[in-house]
Amino acid sequence: MFNFYILIFLFFNLFFSYVKASDKDMVLITSGEYTPLFKYGDVSDSSKVYVKSFMINKYPITNLQFKHFILNNPKWDLDKVGYIFADKNYLSHWENVDLDSISNYPVVNVSWFAADAYCSYYGLRLPTIDEWEYVASAGINNPNGRDEANYLQDILDWYINSQVSKIVCINSMTKNYWNVFGIHGVVWEWVSDFNSVILLNTDAEGGGLEELLYCGATATNAIDPADYVAFMRFAFRNALEANYTSSSLGFRCVKNVG
């Protein structure tokens, strides 16, 4: 009988943790259109991409949330993950640190595999490029950030200095029009299809990865070459592998609507 009550307790604990992780702190993003940096996939004659409604985490996933995930999925602990799923820097910022002191800070040093596993465990998924960019295109007070002065410059300033910027806790993040916090200016974020857009020039054009990253030549093929901050995001994604980790790379999850 005692074991029965323990099982009941564990079941409800797991159930409520699932609901908490999947529904708490998510906001609705209503359907609409945005202008992507490049024409790709189904983007043809129109420069606009239609995005269906979905829900997204208000904040990047935190160290505390990811630790709770690992407690229920120990194979994703930093001393158990194989190199094929995460490189040697996986969760390296947890070593020799009191996790309570960074519990409300975005988790970083997580691979695509780990981020995808986290979202899947709670019945969620990583956002697509279009979903993430749609949310990120909003300003503070407008769904289109271009309607606001300094929108692009403020984002560019962070991207240029992201390696020396200090990651802040979720309570210190700025929200945008959708009430999504820290979409810019905190950490880079994984998307589900990060490697679906290849930005390298062809050999005939004399291009290469170095030219892409340092000269920005491929930006001339963009729908809006002035949107250099979006170009930097696509260049960063283009350089990633699914097992890569970075001290400035985190994630958040989304949920289908309807």
C-alpha atoms as a PDB file:
ATOM      1  CA  MET A   1       0.000   0.000   0.000  1.00  0.00           C
ATOM      2  CA  PHE A   2       2.858   2.349   0.846  1.00  0.00           C
ATOM      3  CA  ASN A   3       4.429   1.761  -2.574  1.00  0.00           C
ATOM      4  CA  PHE A   4       1.068   2.460  -4.190  1.00  0.00           C
ATOM      5  CA  TYR A   5       0.896   5.927  -2.619  1.00  0.00           C
ATOM      6  CA  ILE A   6       4.458   6.605  -3.683  1.00  0.00           C
ATOM      7  CA  LEU A   7       3.561   5.737  -7.268  1.00  0.00           C
ATOM      8  CA  ILE A   8       0.503   7.996  -7.121  1.00  0.00           C
ATOM      9  CA  PHE A   9       2.631  10.827  -5.769  1.00  0.00           C
ATOM     10  CA  LEU A  10       5.257  10.377  -8.472  1.00  0.00           C
ATOM     11  CA  PHE A  11       2.593  10.251 -11.174  1.00  0.00           C
ATOM     12  CA  PHE A  12       0.943  13.498 -10.134  1.00  0.00           C
ATOM     13  CA  ASN A  13       4.317  15.135  -9.613  1.00  0.00           C
ATOM     14  CA  LEU A  14       5.305  14.213 -13.151  1.00  0.00           C
ATOM     15  CA  PHE A  15       1.899  15.233 -14.539  1.00  0.00           C
ATOM     16  CA  PHE A  16       1.879  18.651 -12.928  1.00  0.00           C
ATOM     17  CA  SER A  17       5.509  19.258 -13.836  1.00  0.00           C
ATOM     18  CA  TYR A  18       4.552  18.461 -17.443  1.00  0.00           C
ATOM     19  CA  VAL A  19       1.673  20.944 -17.374  1.00  0.00           C
ATOM     20  CA  LYS A  20       3.826  23.545 -15.676  1.00  0.00           C
ATOM     21  CA  ALA A  21       6.641  23.163 -18.171  1.00  0.00           C
ATOM     22  CA  SER A  22       4.412  23.060 -21.248  1.00  0.00           C
ATOM     23  CA  ASP A  23       1.879  25.770 -20.460  1.00  0.00           C
ATOM     24  CA  LYS A  24       3.362  28.159 -17.923  1.00  0.00           C
ATOM     25  CA  ASP A  25       4.942  31.319 -19.261  1.00  0.00           C
ATOM     26  CA  MET A  26       3.862  30.718 -22.852  1.00  0.00           C
ATOM     27  CA  VAL A  27       2.203  33.424 -24.926  1.00  0.00           C
ATOM     28  CA  LEU A  28       0.097  33.275 -28.052  1.00  0.00           C
ATOM     29  CA  ILE A  29       1.596  34.563 -31.280  1.00  0.00           C
ATOM     30  CA  THR A  30      -1.212  35.234 -33.729  1.00  0.00           C
ATOM     31  CA  SER A  31      -0.812  34.434 -37.394  1.00  0.00           C
ATOM     32  CA  GLY A  32       0.644  36.963 -39.781  1.00  0.00           C
ATOM     33  CA  GLU A  33       3.353  37.696 -42.314  1.00  0.00           C
ATOM     34  CA  TYR A  34       6.953  38.787 -42.091  1.00  0.00           C
ATOM     35  CA  THR A  35       9.714  39.496 -44.595  1.00  0.00           C
ATOM     36  CA  PRO A  36      12.502  36.901 -44.403  1.00  0.00           C
ATOM     37  CA  LEU A  37      16.102  37.772 -45.154  1.00  0.00           C
ATOM     38  CA  PHE A  38      16.379  35.372 -48.086  1.00  0.00           C
ATOM     39  CA  LYS A  39      13.958  33.693 -50.427  1.00  0.00           C
ATOM     40  CA  TYR A  40      14.062  29.975 -49.627  1.00  0.00           C
ATOM     41  CA  GLY A  41      11.779  26.965 -49.311  1.00  0.00           C
ATOM     42  CA  ASP A  42       8.258  27.995 -50.282  1.00  0.00           C
ATOM     43  CA  VAL A  43       9.160  31.660 -50.603  1.00  0.00           C
ATOM     44  CA  SER A  44       8.761  32.362 -54.312  1.00  0.00           C
ATOM     45  CA  ASP A  45       7.422  35.473 -55.993  1.00  0.00           C
ATOM     46  CA  SER A  46       6.308  37.193 -52.799  1.00  0.00           C
ATOM     47  CA  SER A  47       8.822  38.491 -50.287  1.00  0.00           C
ATOM     48  CA  LYS A  48       6.385  37.752 -47.458  1.00  0.00           C
ATOM     49  CA  VAL A  49       6.098  34.502 -45.493  1.00  0.00           C
ATOM     50  CA  TYR A  50       2.848  33.572 -43.771  1.00  0.00           C
ATOM     51  CA  VAL A  51       3.221  32.132 -40.272  1.00  0.00           C
ATOM     52  CA  LYS A  52       0.388  30.278 -38.522  1.00  0.00           C
ATOM     53  CA  SER A  53      -0.551  31.008 -34.912  1.00  0.00           C
ATOM     54  CA  PHE A  54       1.475  29.248 -32.232  1.00  0.00           C
ATOM     55  CA  MET A  55       2.523  29.610 -28.621  1.00  0.00           C
ATOM     56  CA  ILE A  56       6.067  30.301 -27.476  1.00  0.00           C
ATOM     57  CA  ASN A  57       7.921  30.480 -24.175  1.00  0.00           C
ATOM     58  CA  LYS A  58       7.985  34.029 -22.844  1.00  0.00           C
ATOM     59  CA  TYR A  59      11.549  33.462 -21.666  1.00  0.00           C
ATOM     60  CA  PRO A  60      14.490  31.360 -22.789  1.00  0.00           C
ATOM     61  CA  ILE A  61      14.640  28.023 -20.973  1.00  0.00           C
ATOM     62  CA  THR A  62      16.507  28.483 -17.701  1.00  0.00           C
ATOM     63  CA  ASN A  63      19.167  26.448 -15.940  1.00  0.00           C
ATOM     64  CA  LEU A  64      16.611  25.424 -13.314  1.00  0.00           C
ATOM     65  CA  GLN A  65      14.156  24.179 -15.922  1.00  0.00           C
ATOM     66  CA  PHE A  66      16.846  22.249 -17.749  1.00  0.00           C
ATOM     67  CA  LYS A  67      18.100  20.738 -14.497  1.00  0.00           C
ATOM     68  CA  HIS A  68      14.559  19.500 -13.771  1.00  0.00           C
ATOM     69  CA  PHE A  69      14.486  17.951 -17.245  1.00  0.00           C
ATOM     70  CA  ILE A  70      17.759  16.134 -16.572  1.00  0.00           C
ATOM     71  CA  LEU A  71      16.494  14.781 -13.256  1.00  0.00           C
ATOM     72  CA  ASN A  72      13.732  13.060 -15.238  1.00  0.00           C
ATOM     73  CA  ASN A  73      16.026  12.242 -18.169  1.00  0.00           C
ATOM     74  CA  PRO A  74      19.445  11.411 -16.664  1.00  0.00           C
ATOM     75  CA  LYS A  75      20.874  10.349 -20.015  1.00  0.00           C
ATOM     76  CA  TRP A  76      21.156  14.079 -20.786  1.00  0.00           C
ATOM     77  CA  ASP A  77      23.344  14.779 -17.767  1.00  0.00           C
ATOM     78  CA  LEU A  78      26.666  16.383 -18.648  1.00  0.00           C
ATOM     79  CA  ASP A  79      28.704  13.292 -17.743  1.00  0.00           C
ATOM     80  CA  LYS A  80      26.494  10.877 -19.724  1.00  0.00           C
ATOM     81  CA  VAL A  81      25.871  12.501 -23.097  1.00  0.00           C
ATOM     82  CA  GLY A  82      27.916  11.081 -25.943  1.00  0.00           C
ATOM     83  CA  TYR A  83      29.934  13.360 -28.224  1.00  0.00           C
ATOM     84  CA  ILE A  84      27.639  12.600 -31.141  1.00  0.00           C
ATOM     85  CA  PHE A  85      24.859  14.443 -29.273  1.00  0.00           C
ATOM     86  CA  ALA A  86      26.857  17.224 -27.605  1.00  0.00           C
ATOM     87  CA  ASP A  87      30.430  18.471 -27.790  1.00  0.00           C
ATOM     88  CA  LYS A  88      32.865  18.727 -24.877  1.00  0.00           C
ATOM     89  CA  ASN A  89      31.508  22.109 -23.725  1.00  0.00           C
ATOM     90  CA  TYR A  90      28.026  20.748 -23.036  1.00  0.00           C
ATOM     91  CA  LEU A  91      26.742  22.396 -19.823  1.00  0.00           C
ATOM     92  CA  SER A  92      30.317  23.328 -18.948  1.00  0.00           C
ATOM     93  CA  HIS A  93      29.077  26.460 -17.156  1.00  0.00           C
ATOM     94  CA  TRP A  94      27.512  24.156 -14.529  1.00  0.00           C
ATOM     95  CA  GLU A  95      30.879  22.898 -13.378  1.00  0.00           C
ATOM     96  CA  ASN A  96      32.152  24.351 -10.086  1.00  0.00           C
ATOM     97  CA  VAL A  97      29.144  26.669  -9.852  1.00  0.00           C
ATOM     98  CA  ASP A  98      26.279  26.833  -7.385  1.00  0.00           C
ATOM     99  CA  LEU A  99      23.327  26.203  -9.684  1.00  0.00           C
ATOM    100  CA  ASP A 100      21.027  28.138  -7.353  1.00  0.00           C
ATOM    101  CA  SER A 101      22.965  31.293  -8.229  1.00  0.00           C
ATOM    102  CA  ILE A 102      22.177  30.905 -11.953  1.00  0.00           C
ATOM    103  CA  SER A 103      18.814  29.135 -11.689  1.00  0.00           C
ATOM    104  CA  ASN A 104      16.886  31.956 -13.397  1.00  0.00           C
ATOM    105  CA  TYR A 105      19.472  32.569 -16.085  1.00  0.00           C
ATOM    106  CA  PRO A 106      19.082  31.134 -19.607  1.00  0.00           C
ATOM    107  CA  VAL A 107      20.647  27.722 -19.977  1.00  0.00           C
ATOM    108  CA  VAL A 108      23.468  27.794 -22.513  1.00  0.00           C
ATOM    109  CA  ASN A 109      26.046  25.294 -23.740  1.00  0.00           C
ATOM    110  CA  VAL A 110      23.230  23.036 -24.926  1.00  0.00           C
ATOM    111  CA  SER A 111      23.263  21.253 -28.264  1.00  0.00           C
ATOM    112  CA  TRP A 112      20.416  21.102 -30.760  1.00  0.00           C
ATOM    113  CA  PHE A 113      19.880  17.471 -29.780  1.00  0.00           C
ATOM    114  CA  ALA A 114      19.517  18.394 -26.105  1.00  0.00           C
ATOM    115  CA  ALA A 115      17.234  21.351 -26.806  1.00  0.00           C
ATOM    116  CA  ASP A 116      15.059  19.249 -29.095  1.00  0.00           C
ATOM    117  CA  ALA A 117      14.861  16.479 -26.475  1.00  0.00           C
ATOM    118  CA  TYR A 118      13.833  18.988 -23.802  1.00  0.00           C
ATOM    119  CA  CYS A 119      10.990  20.398 -25.874  1.00  0.00           C
ATOM    120  CA  SER A 120       9.822  16.952 -26.992  1.00  0.00           C
ATOM    121  CA  TYR A 121       9.727  15.681 -23.413  1.00  0.00           C
ATOM    122  CA  TYR A 122       7.146  18.325 -22.537  1.00  0.00           C
ATOM    123  CA  GLY A 123       5.096  17.828 -25.678  1.00  0.00           C
ATOM    124  CA  LEU A 124       6.575  20.915 -27.320  1.00  0.00           C
ATOM    125  CA  ARG A 125       9.073  21.558 -30.093  1.00  0.00           C
ATOM    126  CA  LEU A 126      11.732  24.001 -31.147  1.00  0.00           C
ATOM    127  CA  PRO A 127      10.501  26.950 -33.237  1.00  0.00           C
ATOM    128  CA  THR A 128      11.102  26.981 -36.955  1.00  0.00           C
ATOM    129  CA  ILE A 129      13.231  29.707 -38.500  1.00  0.00           C
ATOM    130  CA  ASP A 130      10.090  31.441 -39.753  1.00  0.00           C
ATOM    131  CA  GLU A 131       8.386  31.303 -36.354  1.00  0.00           C
ATOM    132  CA  TRP A 132      11.423  32.622 -34.509  1.00  0.00           C
ATOM    133  CA  GLU A 133      12.092  35.363 -37.051  1.00  0.00           C
ATOM    134  CA  TYR A 134       8.417  36.348 -37.026  1.00  0.00           C
ATOM    135  CA  VAL A 135       8.532  36.886 -33.255  1.00  0.00           C
ATOM    136  CA  ALA A 136      11.919  38.581 -33.508  1.00  0.00           C
ATOM    137  CA  SER A 137      10.699  41.025 -36.165  1.00  0.00           C
ATOM    138  CA  ALA A 138       8.470  42.734 -33.608  1.00  0.00           C
ATOM    139  CA  GLY A 139       9.501  45.901 -31.855  1.00  0.00           C
ATOM    140  CA  ILE A 140       8.613  47.036 -28.367  1.00  0.00           C
ATOM    141  CA  ASN A 141       5.249  48.476 -29.316  1.00  0.00           C
ATOM    142  CA  ASN A 142       4.645  47.268 -32.872  1.00  0.00           C
ATOM    143  CA  PRO A 143       4.465  43.868 -34.569  1.00  0.00           C
ATOM    144  CA  ASN A 144       6.874  45.312 -37.137  1.00  0.00           C
ATOM    145  CA  GLY A 145       9.980  46.613 -35.416  1.00  0.00           C
ATOM    146  CA  ARG A 146      10.968  48.630 -38.453  1.00  0.00           C
ATOM    147  CA  ASP A 147       8.292  51.108 -37.466  1.00  0.00           C
ATOM    148  CA  GLU A 148      10.372  51.998 -34.416  1.00  0.00           C
ATOM    149  CA  ALA A 149      13.487  54.147 -34.360  1.00  0.00           C
ATOM    150  CA  ASN A 150      16.776  52.374 -33.580  1.00  0.00           C
ATOM    151  CA  TYR A 151      15.205  48.899 -33.776  1.00  0.00           C
ATOM    152  CA  LEU A 152      17.875  47.414 -36.039  1.00  0.00           C
ATOM    153  CA  GLN A 153      20.747  49.387 -34.532  1.00  0.00           C
ATOM    154  CA  ASP A 154      19.976  48.284 -30.974  1.00  0.00           C
ATOM    155  CA  ILE A 155      19.972  44.620 -32.051  1.00  0.00           C
ATOM    156  CA  LEU A 156      23.134  45.049 -34.091  1.00  0.00           C
ATOM    157  CA  ASP A 157      24.931  46.595 -31.121  1.00  0.00           C
ATOM    158  CA  TRP A 158      24.285  43.449 -29.090  1.00  0.00           C
ATOM    159  CA  TYR A 159      25.248  41.026 -31.853  1.00  0.00           C
ATOM    160  CA  ILE A 160      28.541  42.833 -32.314  1.00  0.00           C
ATOM    161  CA  ASN A 161      29.281  42.682 -28.578  1.00  0.00           C
ATOM    162  CA  SER A 162      27.535  39.399 -27.678  1.00  0.00           C
ATOM    163  CA  GLN A 163      30.754  37.605 -26.789  1.00  0.00           C
ATOM    164  CA  VAL A 164      31.567  40.141 -24.086  1.00  0.00           C
ATOM    165  CA  SER A 165      28.021  40.836 -22.917  1.00  0.00           C
ATOM    166  CA  LYS A 166      26.925  39.396 -19.595  1.00  0.00           C
ATOM    167  CA  ILE A 167      23.928  37.092 -19.723  1.00  0.00           C
ATOM    168  CA  VAL A 168      21.127  38.456 -17.548  1.00  0.00           C
ATOM    169  CA  CYS A 169      18.448  36.642 -15.569  1.00  0.00           C
ATOM    170  CA  ILE A 170      14.982  36.378 -17.045  1.00  0.00           C
ATOM    171  CA  ASN A 171      13.628  38.999 -14.643  1.00  0.00           C
ATOM    172  CA  SER A 172      15.896  41.617 -16.216  1.00  0.00           C
ATOM    173  CA  MET A 173      14.947  41.016 -19.837  1.00  0.00           C
ATOM    174  CA  THR A 174      13.092  43.414 -22.105  1.00  0.00           C
ATOM    175  CA  LYS A 175       9.829  42.270 -23.666  1.00  0.00           C
ATOM    176  CA  ASN A 176       8.636  42.969 -27.173  1.00  0.00           C
ATOM    177  CA  TYR A 177       5.205  43.557 -28.674  1.00  0.00           C
ATOM    178  CA  TRP A 178       4.247  39.882 -28.193  1.00  0.00           C
ATOM    179  CA  ASN A 179       5.278  39.917 -24.511  1.00  0.00           C
ATOM    180  CA  VAL A 180       8.219  37.687 -25.393  1.00  0.00           C
ATOM    181  CA  PHE A 181      11.241  38.497 -23.261  1.00  0.00           C
ATOM    182  CA  GLY A 182      14.880  38.498 -24.305  1.00  0.00           C
ATOM    183  CA  ILE A 183      14.343  37.553 -27.950  1.00  0.00           C
ATOM    184  CA  HIS A 184      17.250  39.893 -28.713  1.00  0.00           C
ATOM    185  CA  GLY A 185      20.177  40.998 -26.635  1.00  0.00           C
ATOM    186  CA  VAL A 186      20.555  37.969 -24.346  1.00  0.00           C
ATOM    187  CA  VAL A 187      21.579  34.735 -26.088  1.00  0.00           C
ATOM    188  CA  TRP A 188      21.463  33.228 -29.545  1.00  0.00           C
ATOM    189  CA  GLU A 189      18.712  30.610 -29.806  1.00  0.00           C
ATOM    190  CA  TRP A 190      18.351  27.247 -31.505  1.00  0.00           C
ATOM    191  CA  VAL A 191      15.634  26.709 -34.107  1.00  0.00           C
ATOM    192  CA  SER A 192      14.448  23.355 -35.391  1.00  0.00           C
ATOM    193  CA  ASP A 193      15.560  23.865 -38.993  1.00  0.00           C
ATOM    194  CA  PHE A 194      18.743  25.848 -38.305  1.00  0.00           C
ATOM    195  CA  ASN A 195      20.609  24.186 -41.181  1.00  0.00           C
ATOM    196  CA  SER A 196      17.880  24.423 -43.822  1.00  0.00           C
ATOM    197  CA  VAL A 197      19.229  27.589 -45.440  1.00  0.00           C
ATOM    198  CA  ILE A 198      22.693  27.436 -46.973  1.00  0.00           C
ATOM    199  CA  LEU A 199      24.140  30.898 -47.517  1.00  0.00           C
ATOM    200  CA  LEU A 200      27.409  30.025 -49.218  1.00  0.00           C
ATOM    201  CA  ASN A 201      28.003  31.492 -52.644  1.00  0.00           C
ATOM    202  CA  THR A 202      28.645  29.032 -55.459  1.00  0.00           C
ATOM    203  CA  ASP A 203      32.174  28.414 -56.691  1.00  0.00           C
ATOM    204  CA  ALA A 204      31.279  30.263 -59.863  1.00  0.00           C
ATOM    205  CA  GLU A 205      30.611  33.317 -57.770  1.00  0.00           C
ATOM    206  CA  GLY A 206      33.910  32.924 -56.008  1.00  0.00           C
ATOM    207  CA  GLY A 207      32.321  32.651 -52.565  1.00  0.00           C
ATOM    208  CA  GLY A 208      33.086  30.677 -49.432  1.00  0.00           C
ATOM    209  CA  LEU A 209      32.468  30.546 -45.708  1.00  0.00           C
ATOM    210  CA  GLU A 210      35.119  33.150 -44.945  1.00  0.00           C
ATOM    211  CA  GLU A 211      33.572  35.542 -47.438  1.00  0.00           C
ATOM    212  CA  LEU A 212      30.141  34.855 -45.969  1.00  0.00           C
ATOM    213  CA  LEU A 213      31.159  35.550 -42.402  1.00  0.00           C
ATOM    214  CA  TYR A 214      33.635  38.375 -42.825  1.00  0.00           C
ATOM    215  CA  CYS A 215      32.743  40.181 -46.021  1.00  0.00           C
ATOM    216  CA  GLY A 216      28.995  39.738 -46.005  1.00  0.00           C
ATOM    217  CA  ALA A 217      28.977  39.305 -49.779  1.00  0.00           C
ATOM    218  CA  THR A 218      25.948  37.036 -49.663  1.00  0.00           C
ATOM    219  CA  ALA A 219      23.933  39.797 -48.035  1.00  0.00           C
ATOM    220  CA  THR A 220      23.642  41.381 -51.478  1.00  0.00           C
ATOM    221  CA  ASN A 221      21.286  38.502 -52.367  1.00  0.00           C
ATOM    222  CA  ALA A 222      18.982  39.320 -49.491  1.00  0.00           C
ATOM    223  CA  ILE A 223      15.470  40.662 -49.919  1.00  0.00           C
ATOM    224  CA  ASP A 224      16.524  43.567 -47.712  1.00  0.00           C
ATOM    225  CA  PRO A 225      20.334  43.961 -47.657  1.00  0.00           C
ATOM    226  CA  ALA A 226      19.970  46.615 -44.953  1.00  0.00           C
ATOM    227  CA  ASP A 227      18.784  43.990 -42.465  1.00  0.00           C
ATOM    228  CA  TYR A 228      22.304  43.015 -41.513  1.00  0.00           C
ATOM    229  CA  VAL A 229      21.266  41.730 -38.078  1.00  0.00           C
ATOM    230  CA  ALA A 230      19.133  39.040 -39.738  1.00  0.00           C
ATOM    231  CA  PHE A 231      22.069  38.202 -41.990  1.00  0.00           C
ATOM    232  CA  MET A 232      24.250  37.686 -38.907  1.00  0.00           C
ATOM    233  CA  ARG A 233      21.696  35.250 -37.477  1.00  0.00           C
ATOM    234  CA  PHE A 234      21.554  33.246 -40.683  1.00  0.00           C
ATOM    235  CA  ALA A 235      25.350  33.216 -40.921  1.00  0.00           C
ATOM    236  CA  PHE A 236      25.598  31.985 -37.337  1.00  0.00           C
ATOM    237  CA  ARG A 237      23.065  29.210 -37.941  1.00  0.00           C
ATOM    238  CA  ASN A 238      24.834  28.228 -41.119  1.00  0.00           C
ATOM    239  CA  ALA A 239      28.019  27.552 -39.126  1.00  0.00           C
ATOM    240  CA  LEU A 240      26.323  25.291 -36.560  1.00  0.00           C
ATOM    241  CA  GLU A 241      26.247  21.522 -36.248  1.00  0.00           C
ATOM    242  CA  ALA A 242      23.587  19.754 -34.193  1.00  0.00           C
ATOM    243  CA  ASN A 243      26.056  18.709 -31.477  1.00  0.00           C
ATOM    244  CA  TYR A 244      27.639  22.166 -31.138  1.00  0.00           C
ATOM    245  CA  THR A 245      27.358  24.136 -27.921  1.00  0.00           C
ATOM    246  CA  SER A 246      28.206  27.725 -27.088  1.00  0.00           C
ATOM    247  CA  SER A 247      28.306  29.866 -23.963  1.00  0.00           C
ATOM    248  CA  SER A 248      25.938  32.294 -25.700  1.00  0.00           C
ATOM    249  CA  LEU A 249      23.539  29.786 -27.299  1.00  0.00           C
ATOM    250  CA  GLY A 250      20.277  28.754 -25.614  1.00  0.00           C
ATOM    251  CA  PHE A 251      16.721  27.998 -26.713  1.00  0.00           C
ATOM    252  CA  ARG A 252      12.998  28.249 -26.047  1.00  0.00           C
ATOM    253  CA  CYS A 253      10.108  26.018 -27.094  1.00  0.00           C
ATOM    254  CA  VAL A 254       6.866  26.475 -29.007  1.00  0.00           C
ATOM    255  CA  LYS A 255       3.496  24.770 -29.027  1.00  0.00           C
ATOM    256  CA  ASN A 256       1.084  24.228 -31.894  1.00  0.00           C
ATOM    257  CA  VAL A 257      -2.300  25.944 -31.733  1.00  0.00           C
ATOM    258  CA  GLY A 258      -5.378  24.187 -33.007  1.00  0.00           C
END
